[in-house]
Amino acid sequence: MRVALGLSFDFFILLGDEQNLQYKLYIDCEACDKAELLASFEGALRELNVEFATKRESGRLKETAVSLVGAGTYEAYKEHCIANGQREGQFKYMVLQSESDCDFDFAAHELEGVR
């Protein structure tokens, strides 16, 4: 997605919120404009995945919620996962996962006052 979006960022995760029929994107991209990021992200997904485009157009999937998180979020997430049983030497995270399967509080790492 970095190439498709033309952005530089260190970390992102996309959580699927089944209850609200919406994806939630958390991204460490302090220099990004949220509106531009949303347009680029959804545009790239629409081009790459016809099913995403169809569900967005029909309203079966709401607009992606974008949250910019601060530097250090990845490390905090990694520490949280290790504390909950993942092995540090084999740490990998799924970029796309269900929100109900992720118990890390990304909202606590959101940057305040960012457009």
Protein backbone atom coordinates (compact mmCIF):
# COMPACT_ATOMS: atom_id res chain seq x y z
CA MET A 1 0.00 0.00 0.00
CA ARG A 2 2.91 2.36 0.53
CA VAL A 3 3.55 2.47 -3.20
CA ALA A 4 -0.12 2.84 -4.06
CA LEU A 5 -0.60 5.58 -1.49
CA GLY A 6 2.70 7.35 -2.09
CA LEU A 7 3.25 7.76 1.65
CA SER A 8 5.98 7.04 4.12
CA PHE A 9 4.93 5.49 7.41
CA ASP A 10 6.34 3.12 9.99
CA PHE A 11 3.29 1.18 11.15
CA PHE A 12 -0.33 0.56 10.30
CA ILE A 13 -3.03 -1.91 11.19
CA LEU A 14 -6.52 -2.31 9.78
CA LEU A 15 -9.19 -3.64 12.11
CA GLY A 16 -12.53 -4.89 10.86
CA ASP A 17 -15.42 -3.74 13.03
CA GLU A 18 -18.14 -6.28 12.28
CA GLN A 19 -20.77 -4.56 14.42
CA ASN A 20 -20.47 -1.22 12.62
CA LEU A 21 -19.63 -2.70 9.20
CA GLN A 22 -16.50 -0.59 8.97
CA TYR A 23 -12.74 -0.84 8.79
CA LYS A 24 -10.63 1.15 11.24
CA LEU A 25 -7.20 2.18 10.04
CA TYR A 26 -4.60 3.09 12.64
CA ILE A 27 -1.46 4.50 11.05
CA ASP A 28 1.77 6.07 12.31
CA CYS A 29 1.91 8.90 9.80
CA GLU A 30 2.16 12.15 11.71
CA ALA A 31 2.71 14.26 8.59
CA CYS A 32 -0.43 12.92 6.88
CA ASP A 33 -3.69 14.74 6.35
CA LYS A 34 -6.50 12.37 7.43
CA ALA A 35 -8.88 13.38 4.62
CA GLU A 36 -6.22 12.90 1.94
CA LEU A 37 -5.11 9.63 3.51
CA LEU A 38 -8.69 8.34 3.59
CA ALA A 39 -9.27 9.25 -0.06
CA SER A 40 -5.99 7.63 -1.14
CA PHE A 41 -6.53 4.53 0.97
CA GLU A 42 -10.09 3.89 -0.14
CA GLY A 43 -9.22 4.71 -3.75
CA ALA A 44 -6.38 2.19 -3.72
CA LEU A 45 -8.57 -0.49 -2.11
CA ARG A 46 -11.32 0.10 -4.65
CA GLU A 47 -8.81 -0.42 -7.47
CA LEU A 48 -7.28 -3.51 -5.88
CA ASN A 49 -10.45 -5.18 -4.64
CA VAL A 50 -13.70 -5.07 -6.60
CA GLU A 51 -15.57 -6.56 -3.63
CA PHE A 52 -14.52 -3.63 -1.44
CA ALA A 53 -15.69 -1.18 -4.12
CA THR A 54 -19.04 -2.95 -4.51
CA LYS A 55 -19.70 -3.04 -0.76
CA ARG A 56 -18.77 0.63 -0.32
CA GLU A 57 -20.99 1.70 -3.24
CA SER A 58 -23.98 -0.29 -1.94
CA GLY A 59 -23.57 0.98 1.63
CA ARG A 60 -22.94 -2.50 3.03
CA LEU A 61 -19.59 -1.20 4.25
CA LYS A 62 -19.17 2.23 5.82
CA GLU A 63 -16.34 4.64 5.10
CA THR A 64 -13.04 3.63 6.69
CA ALA A 65 -12.33 5.36 10.01
CA VAL A 66 -8.78 6.75 10.00
CA SER A 67 -6.83 7.42 13.18
CA LEU A 68 -3.31 8.78 13.21
CA VAL A 69 -1.22 7.27 15.99
CA GLY A 70 2.04 8.52 17.41
CA ALA A 71 5.55 7.20 17.11
CA GLY A 72 6.06 4.31 19.47
CA THR A 73 2.64 2.76 18.87
CA TYR A 74 4.17 -0.25 17.13
CA GLU A 75 6.53 -0.87 20.04
CA ALA A 76 3.69 -0.52 22.56
CA TYR A 77 1.57 -2.94 20.51
CA LYS A 78 4.45 -5.40 20.26
CA GLU A 79 5.11 -5.23 24.02
CA HIS A 80 1.40 -5.79 24.67
CA CYS A 81 1.34 -8.86 22.43
CA ILE A 82 4.48 -10.30 24.02
CA ALA A 83 3.06 -9.72 27.50
CA ASN A 84 0.01 -11.69 26.37
CA GLY A 85 1.95 -14.74 25.19
CA GLN A 86 3.51 -14.09 21.80
CA ARG A 87 7.20 -14.96 21.55
CA GLU A 88 9.39 -11.94 20.95
CA GLY A 89 11.72 -13.76 18.55
CA GLN A 90 8.79 -14.80 16.39
CA PHE A 91 6.69 -11.66 16.69
CA LYS A 92 4.63 -10.88 13.64
CA TYR A 93 1.30 -9.16 13.52
CA MET A 94 -1.56 -9.48 11.10
CA VAL A 95 -2.03 -6.21 9.25
CA LEU A 96 -5.73 -6.97 8.79
CA GLN A 97 -7.63 -8.50 11.67
CA SER A 98 -10.98 -8.45 13.36
CA GLU A 99 -11.38 -5.73 15.97
CA SER A 100 -12.94 -8.30 18.29
CA ASP A 101 -9.69 -10.33 18.17
CA CYS A 102 -7.49 -7.35 19.06
CA ASP A 103 -7.47 -6.23 22.68
CA PHE A 104 -4.85 -3.45 22.30
CA ASP A 105 -6.13 0.08 22.95
CA PHE A 106 -5.07 1.95 19.82
CA ALA A 107 -7.30 4.88 20.79
CA ALA A 108 -4.91 5.64 23.66
CA HIS A 109 -2.18 6.27 21.06
CA GLU A 110 -4.16 8.54 18.74
CA LEU A 111 -2.69 11.96 18.06
CA GLU A 112 -4.89 14.76 19.33
CA GLY A 113 -5.76 17.80 17.25
CA VAL A 114 -4.79 16.18 13.94
CA ARG A 115 -7.01 16.86 10.96
